[in-house]
Amino acid sequence: MLPTGHIEWTWAGLNAIQRSTGHFVDADYRLVALAAVLPDLIDKPLAWFVFPDANAALFFGHTLLLHGLLWLFAWMSGSLRRWLPYLLAFSGHLLADRMWGFTQTLLWPLRGWGWHQWRHVSSPREMLHAYLEIIVQEPILLVLEALGLLLLTWFIVDRKLMFPHRLLAFLRSGRPPADSVPAKVKS
């Protein structure tokens, strides 16, 4: 999935959770977006600068080891509840990338010290060509990206972010304006 798709799907999911349950109303959408793309922000520079000859693009950011350690740290520090929306966005990246098909990396180092072999992607240009190749080989990705745009549109309309003052408030605070968040119903 492209970085925009990770963010669109994650924001829509967070919005749906907030609207239907009232949970995570204090979540910062800016940090959620960062968490949603963080595995790629970790791994793409590694592919370009640290492991340019690895013929891989998925490294530590896409391993269960790193994700598990972060979840464990949040739990042991007593911060799990506060960090839950960000951890879900971070680990949701693995689902969106369909990492179950790349077990050499997902289960690293349990399946050895190597990474899932792909192709040479040691520059942004090579990475772009690789993504274009994937889109041609896997047209479902275009459908998922198009659905992501629809989900982003739904989020914008639902939170009335098409109005400049509301959009600016959202961008400044990382949260939809307060009057667009319904109060949690008491039973």
C-alpha atoms as a PDB file:
ATOM      1  CA  MET A   1       0.000   0.000   0.000  1.00  0.00           C
ATOM      2  CA  LEU A   2       1.196   3.519  -0.715  1.00  0.00           C
ATOM      3  CA  PRO A   3       1.820   5.903   2.215  1.00  0.00           C
ATOM      4  CA  THR A   4      -1.325   7.888   1.391  1.00  0.00           C
ATOM      5  CA  GLY A   5      -3.390   4.707   1.541  1.00  0.00           C
ATOM      6  CA  HIS A   6      -2.005   3.816   4.963  1.00  0.00           C
ATOM      7  CA  ILE A   7      -3.063   7.218   6.273  1.00  0.00           C
ATOM      8  CA  GLU A   8      -6.480   7.276   4.576  1.00  0.00           C
ATOM      9  CA  TRP A   9      -7.515   3.850   5.838  1.00  0.00           C
ATOM     10  CA  THR A  10      -6.162   4.537   9.332  1.00  0.00           C
ATOM     11  CA  TRP A  11      -7.870   7.916   9.664  1.00  0.00           C
ATOM     12  CA  ALA A  12     -11.153   6.429   8.472  1.00  0.00           C
ATOM     13  CA  GLY A  13     -10.805   3.585  10.973  1.00  0.00           C
ATOM     14  CA  LEU A  14     -10.057   5.969  13.824  1.00  0.00           C
ATOM     15  CA  ASN A  15     -12.978   8.183  12.832  1.00  0.00           C
ATOM     16  CA  ALA A  16     -15.312   5.169  12.738  1.00  0.00           C
ATOM     17  CA  ILE A  17     -14.131   4.039  16.187  1.00  0.00           C
ATOM     18  CA  GLN A  18     -14.567   7.543  17.613  1.00  0.00           C
ATOM     19  CA  ARG A  19     -18.035   7.912  16.090  1.00  0.00           C
ATOM     20  CA  SER A  20     -19.318   4.474  17.060  1.00  0.00           C
ATOM     21  CA  THR A  21     -17.740   3.987  20.497  1.00  0.00           C
ATOM     22  CA  GLY A  22     -16.483   7.342  21.722  1.00  0.00           C
ATOM     23  CA  HIS A  23     -13.022   5.815  22.279  1.00  0.00           C
ATOM     24  CA  PHE A  24      -9.751   7.540  21.383  1.00  0.00           C
ATOM     25  CA  VAL A  25     -11.319  11.027  21.177  1.00  0.00           C
ATOM     26  CA  ASP A  26      -8.028  12.539  22.362  1.00  0.00           C
ATOM     27  CA  ALA A  27      -5.992  10.814  19.643  1.00  0.00           C
ATOM     28  CA  ASP A  28      -3.924  13.175  17.540  1.00  0.00           C
ATOM     29  CA  TYR A  29      -4.566  12.418  13.869  1.00  0.00           C
ATOM     30  CA  ARG A  30      -1.153  13.833  12.963  1.00  0.00           C
ATOM     31  CA  LEU A  31       0.567  11.289  15.220  1.00  0.00           C
ATOM     32  CA  VAL A  32      -1.752   8.550  13.988  1.00  0.00           C
ATOM     33  CA  ALA A  33      -0.688   9.360  10.403  1.00  0.00           C
ATOM     34  CA  LEU A  34       2.960   9.259  11.445  1.00  0.00           C
ATOM     35  CA  ALA A  35       2.456   5.904  13.188  1.00  0.00           C
ATOM     36  CA  ALA A  36       0.654   4.517  10.131  1.00  0.00           C
ATOM     37  CA  VAL A  37       3.657   5.182   7.867  1.00  0.00           C
ATOM     38  CA  LEU A  38       6.413   4.704  10.464  1.00  0.00           C
ATOM     39  CA  PRO A  39       7.403   1.196   9.296  1.00  0.00           C
ATOM     40  CA  ASP A  40       8.173   2.663   5.864  1.00  0.00           C
ATOM     41  CA  LEU A  41       9.919   5.686   7.384  1.00  0.00           C
ATOM     42  CA  ILE A  42      12.184   3.227   9.186  1.00  0.00           C
ATOM     43  CA  ASP A  43      12.771   0.816   6.321  1.00  0.00           C
ATOM     44  CA  LYS A  44      13.025   2.924   3.159  1.00  0.00           C
ATOM     45  CA  PRO A  45      16.074   4.876   4.371  1.00  0.00           C
ATOM     46  CA  LEU A  46      17.610   1.558   5.416  1.00  0.00           C
ATOM     47  CA  ALA A  47      17.090   0.271   1.868  1.00  0.00           C
ATOM     48  CA  TRP A  48      18.674   3.394   0.386  1.00  0.00           C
ATOM     49  CA  PHE A  49      21.574   4.071   2.770  1.00  0.00           C
ATOM     50  CA  VAL A  50      22.315   1.106   5.050  1.00  0.00           C
ATOM     51  CA  PHE A  51      21.462  -2.012   3.008  1.00  0.00           C
ATOM     52  CA  PRO A  52      21.551  -0.758  -0.607  1.00  0.00           C
ATOM     53  CA  ASP A  53      22.655  -4.161  -1.949  1.00  0.00           C
ATOM     54  CA  ALA A  54      20.143  -6.227   0.039  1.00  0.00           C
ATOM     55  CA  ASN A  55      17.587  -6.374  -2.798  1.00  0.00           C
ATOM     56  CA  ALA A  56      14.920  -5.721  -0.187  1.00  0.00           C
ATOM     57  CA  ALA A  57      12.684  -2.877   0.956  1.00  0.00           C
ATOM     58  CA  LEU A  58      11.218  -4.403   4.110  1.00  0.00           C
ATOM     59  CA  PHE A  59      13.439  -4.493   7.163  1.00  0.00           C
ATOM     60  CA  PHE A  60      13.071  -3.986  10.923  1.00  0.00           C
ATOM     61  CA  GLY A  61       9.968  -1.777  10.663  1.00  0.00           C
ATOM     62  CA  HIS A  62       8.043  -4.668   9.169  1.00  0.00           C
ATOM     63  CA  THR A  63       9.000  -7.329  11.742  1.00  0.00           C
ATOM     64  CA  LEU A  64       6.820  -8.759  14.471  1.00  0.00           C
ATOM     65  CA  LEU A  65       9.854  -8.413  16.716  1.00  0.00           C
ATOM     66  CA  LEU A  66       9.849  -4.595  16.584  1.00  0.00           C
ATOM     67  CA  HIS A  67       6.067  -4.363  16.823  1.00  0.00           C
ATOM     68  CA  GLY A  68       5.953  -6.799  19.713  1.00  0.00           C
ATOM     69  CA  LEU A  69       8.696  -4.934  21.571  1.00  0.00           C
ATOM     70  CA  LEU A  70       6.829  -1.629  21.224  1.00  0.00           C
ATOM     71  CA  TRP A  71       3.572  -3.186  22.457  1.00  0.00           C
ATOM     72  CA  LEU A  72       5.433  -4.801  25.362  1.00  0.00           C
ATOM     73  CA  PHE A  73       7.147  -1.533  26.262  1.00  0.00           C
ATOM     74  CA  ALA A  74       3.826   0.354  26.224  1.00  0.00           C
ATOM     75  CA  TRP A  75       2.219  -2.300  28.407  1.00  0.00           C
ATOM     76  CA  MET A  76       5.124  -2.525  30.878  1.00  0.00           C
ATOM     77  CA  SER A  77       5.342   1.261  31.193  1.00  0.00           C
ATOM     78  CA  GLY A  78       1.624   1.504  31.959  1.00  0.00           C
ATOM     79  CA  SER A  79       1.046   3.557  28.815  1.00  0.00           C
ATOM     80  CA  LEU A  80      -0.795   0.991  26.709  1.00  0.00           C
ATOM     81  CA  ARG A  81      -4.191   2.686  26.967  1.00  0.00           C
ATOM     82  CA  ARG A  82      -2.773   6.108  26.065  1.00  0.00           C
ATOM     83  CA  TRP A  83      -0.692   4.771  23.153  1.00  0.00           C
ATOM     84  CA  LEU A  84      -3.250   2.258  21.857  1.00  0.00           C
ATOM     85  CA  PRO A  85      -4.480   4.273  18.824  1.00  0.00           C
ATOM     86  CA  TYR A  86      -0.881   4.875  17.725  1.00  0.00           C
ATOM     87  CA  LEU A  87       0.160   1.255  18.263  1.00  0.00           C
ATOM     88  CA  LEU A  88      -2.881   0.080  16.296  1.00  0.00           C
ATOM     89  CA  ALA A  89      -1.961   2.436  13.451  1.00  0.00           C
ATOM     90  CA  PHE A  90       1.673   1.293  13.562  1.00  0.00           C
ATOM     91  CA  SER A  91       0.874  -2.426  13.565  1.00  0.00           C
ATOM     92  CA  GLY A  92      -2.060  -1.992  11.190  1.00  0.00           C
ATOM     93  CA  HIS A  93       0.612  -1.144   8.630  1.00  0.00           C
ATOM     94  CA  LEU A  94       1.604  -4.836   8.641  1.00  0.00           C
ATOM     95  CA  LEU A  95      -1.947  -5.847   7.724  1.00  0.00           C
ATOM     96  CA  ALA A  96      -2.224  -3.219   5.001  1.00  0.00           C
ATOM     97  CA  ASP A  97       1.070  -4.421   3.505  1.00  0.00           C
ATOM     98  CA  ARG A  98      -0.170  -8.034   3.652  1.00  0.00           C
ATOM     99  CA  MET A  99       2.977  -9.041   5.492  1.00  0.00           C
ATOM    100  CA  TRP A 100       1.749 -12.615   5.954  1.00  0.00           C
ATOM    101  CA  GLY A 101       3.090 -13.098   2.430  1.00  0.00           C
ATOM    102  CA  PHE A 102       6.578 -11.919   3.423  1.00  0.00           C
ATOM    103  CA  THR A 103       7.334 -14.184   6.360  1.00  0.00           C
ATOM    104  CA  GLN A 104      11.113 -14.000   5.889  1.00  0.00           C
ATOM    105  CA  THR A 105      10.880 -10.384   7.088  1.00  0.00           C
ATOM    106  CA  LEU A 106       7.754 -10.575   9.245  1.00  0.00           C
ATOM    107  CA  LEU A 107       9.200 -13.370  11.388  1.00  0.00           C
ATOM    108  CA  TRP A 108      12.784 -12.071  11.340  1.00  0.00           C
ATOM    109  CA  PRO A 109      15.071 -13.448  12.803  1.00  0.00           C
ATOM    110  CA  LEU A 110      13.122 -16.680  13.431  1.00  0.00           C
ATOM    111  CA  ARG A 111      13.402 -17.626   9.734  1.00  0.00           C
ATOM    112  CA  GLY A 112      17.035 -16.583   9.467  1.00  0.00           C
ATOM    113  CA  TRP A 113      18.981 -13.349   9.321  1.00  0.00           C
ATOM    114  CA  GLY A 114      18.016 -12.480   5.752  1.00  0.00           C
ATOM    115  CA  TRP A 115      15.176 -10.309   4.525  1.00  0.00           C
ATOM    116  CA  HIS A 116      12.444 -10.961   1.983  1.00  0.00           C
ATOM    117  CA  GLN A 117      14.160 -10.700  -1.379  1.00  0.00           C
ATOM    118  CA  TRP A 118      12.525  -8.374  -3.847  1.00  0.00           C
ATOM    119  CA  ARG A 119      14.588  -6.204  -6.156  1.00  0.00           C
ATOM    120  CA  HIS A 120      17.240  -3.507  -6.080  1.00  0.00           C
ATOM    121  CA  VAL A 121      15.629  -0.378  -4.556  1.00  0.00           C
ATOM    122  CA  SER A 122      18.564   1.641  -3.261  1.00  0.00           C
ATOM    123  CA  SER A 123      17.246   5.020  -4.451  1.00  0.00           C
ATOM    124  CA  PRO A 124      13.922   6.879  -4.477  1.00  0.00           C
ATOM    125  CA  ARG A 125      13.775   6.498  -8.270  1.00  0.00           C
ATOM    126  CA  GLU A 126      14.222   2.713  -8.081  1.00  0.00           C
ATOM    127  CA  MET A 127      11.620   2.593  -5.313  1.00  0.00           C
ATOM    128  CA  LEU A 128       9.137   4.506  -7.492  1.00  0.00           C
ATOM    129  CA  HIS A 129       9.710   2.101 -10.383  1.00  0.00           C
ATOM    130  CA  ALA A 130       9.225  -0.831  -8.023  1.00  0.00           C
ATOM    131  CA  TYR A 131       5.905   0.584  -6.754  1.00  0.00           C
ATOM    132  CA  LEU A 132       4.733   1.152 -10.340  1.00  0.00           C
ATOM    133  CA  GLU A 133       5.624  -2.449 -11.152  1.00  0.00           C
ATOM    134  CA  ILE A 134       3.680  -3.704  -8.136  1.00  0.00           C
ATOM    135  CA  ILE A 135       0.607  -1.730  -9.157  1.00  0.00           C
ATOM    136  CA  VAL A 136       0.710  -3.313 -12.625  1.00  0.00           C
ATOM    137  CA  GLN A 137       1.213  -6.812 -11.193  1.00  0.00           C
ATOM    138  CA  GLU A 138      -1.357  -6.425  -8.403  1.00  0.00           C
ATOM    139  CA  PRO A 139      -4.289  -4.312  -9.685  1.00  0.00           C
ATOM    140  CA  ILE A 140      -6.133  -4.890  -6.398  1.00  0.00           C
ATOM    141  CA  LEU A 141      -3.788  -2.260  -4.963  1.00  0.00           C
ATOM    142  CA  LEU A 142      -5.364   0.346  -7.252  1.00  0.00           C
ATOM    143  CA  VAL A 143      -8.781  -0.646  -5.924  1.00  0.00           C
ATOM    144  CA  LEU A 144      -7.550  -0.367  -2.323  1.00  0.00           C
ATOM    145  CA  GLU A 145      -5.974   3.035  -3.015  1.00  0.00           C
ATOM    146  CA  ALA A 146      -9.205   4.246  -4.675  1.00  0.00           C
ATOM    147  CA  LEU A 147     -11.186   3.022  -1.665  1.00  0.00           C
ATOM    148  CA  GLY A 148      -8.710   4.901   0.509  1.00  0.00           C
ATOM    149  CA  LEU A 149      -9.557   8.121  -1.359  1.00  0.00           C
ATOM    150  CA  LEU A 150     -13.259   7.447  -0.805  1.00  0.00           C
ATOM    151  CA  LEU A 151     -12.610   6.852   2.891  1.00  0.00           C
ATOM    152  CA  LEU A 152     -10.660  10.113   3.121  1.00  0.00           C
ATOM    153  CA  THR A 153     -13.527  11.927   1.404  1.00  0.00           C
ATOM    154  CA  TRP A 154     -15.964  10.383   3.894  1.00  0.00           C
ATOM    155  CA  PHE A 155     -13.751  11.504   6.783  1.00  0.00           C
ATOM    156  CA  ILE A 156     -13.532  15.069   5.433  1.00  0.00           C
ATOM    157  CA  VAL A 157     -17.293  15.302   4.891  1.00  0.00           C
ATOM    158  CA  ASP A 158     -18.137  13.597   8.194  1.00  0.00           C
ATOM    159  CA  ARG A 159     -15.939  15.998  10.140  1.00  0.00           C
ATOM    160  CA  LYS A 160     -16.853  18.975   7.925  1.00  0.00           C
ATOM    161  CA  LEU A 161     -13.211  19.624   7.129  1.00  0.00           C
ATOM    162  CA  MET A 162     -14.091  21.098   3.748  1.00  0.00           C
ATOM    163  CA  PHE A 163     -14.617  24.389   5.579  1.00  0.00           C
ATOM    164  CA  PRO A 164     -11.269  26.225   5.834  1.00  0.00           C
ATOM    165  CA  HIS A 165     -11.657  27.258   9.485  1.00  0.00           C
ATOM    166  CA  ARG A 166     -12.432  23.674  10.522  1.00  0.00           C
ATOM    167  CA  LEU A 167      -9.606  22.251   8.418  1.00  0.00           C
ATOM    168  CA  LEU A 168      -7.154  24.758   9.892  1.00  0.00           C
ATOM    169  CA  ALA A 169      -8.306  23.901  13.428  1.00  0.00           C
ATOM    170  CA  PHE A 170      -7.846  20.205  12.629  1.00  0.00           C
ATOM    171  CA  LEU A 171      -4.355  20.740  11.220  1.00  0.00           C
ATOM    172  CA  ARG A 172      -3.318  22.857  14.202  1.00  0.00           C
ATOM    173  CA  SER A 173      -4.630  20.544  16.920  1.00  0.00           C
ATOM    174  CA  GLY A 174      -4.527  17.146  15.220  1.00  0.00           C
ATOM    175  CA  ARG A 175      -8.127  16.582  16.293  1.00  0.00           C
ATOM    176  CA  PRO A 176     -11.422  17.258  14.547  1.00  0.00           C
ATOM    177  CA  PRO A 177     -13.085  20.395  15.904  1.00  0.00           C
ATOM    178  CA  ALA A 178     -14.880  19.667  19.180  1.00  0.00           C
ATOM    179  CA  ASP A 179     -18.401  20.405  17.980  1.00  0.00           C
ATOM    180  CA  SER A 180     -18.108  17.570  15.435  1.00  0.00           C
ATOM    181  CA  VAL A 181     -17.461  14.903  18.067  1.00  0.00           C
ATOM    182  CA  PRO A 182     -20.700  13.608  19.621  1.00  0.00           C
ATOM    183  CA  ALA A 183     -20.864  13.253  23.377  1.00  0.00           C
ATOM    184  CA  LYS A 184     -20.690   9.665  24.572  1.00  0.00           C
ATOM    185  CA  VAL A 185     -24.180   8.439  25.374  1.00  0.00           C
ATOM    186  CA  LYS A 186     -24.663   7.309  28.961  1.00  0.00           C
ATOM    187  CA  SER A 187     -26.787   4.226  29.457  1.00  0.00           C
END
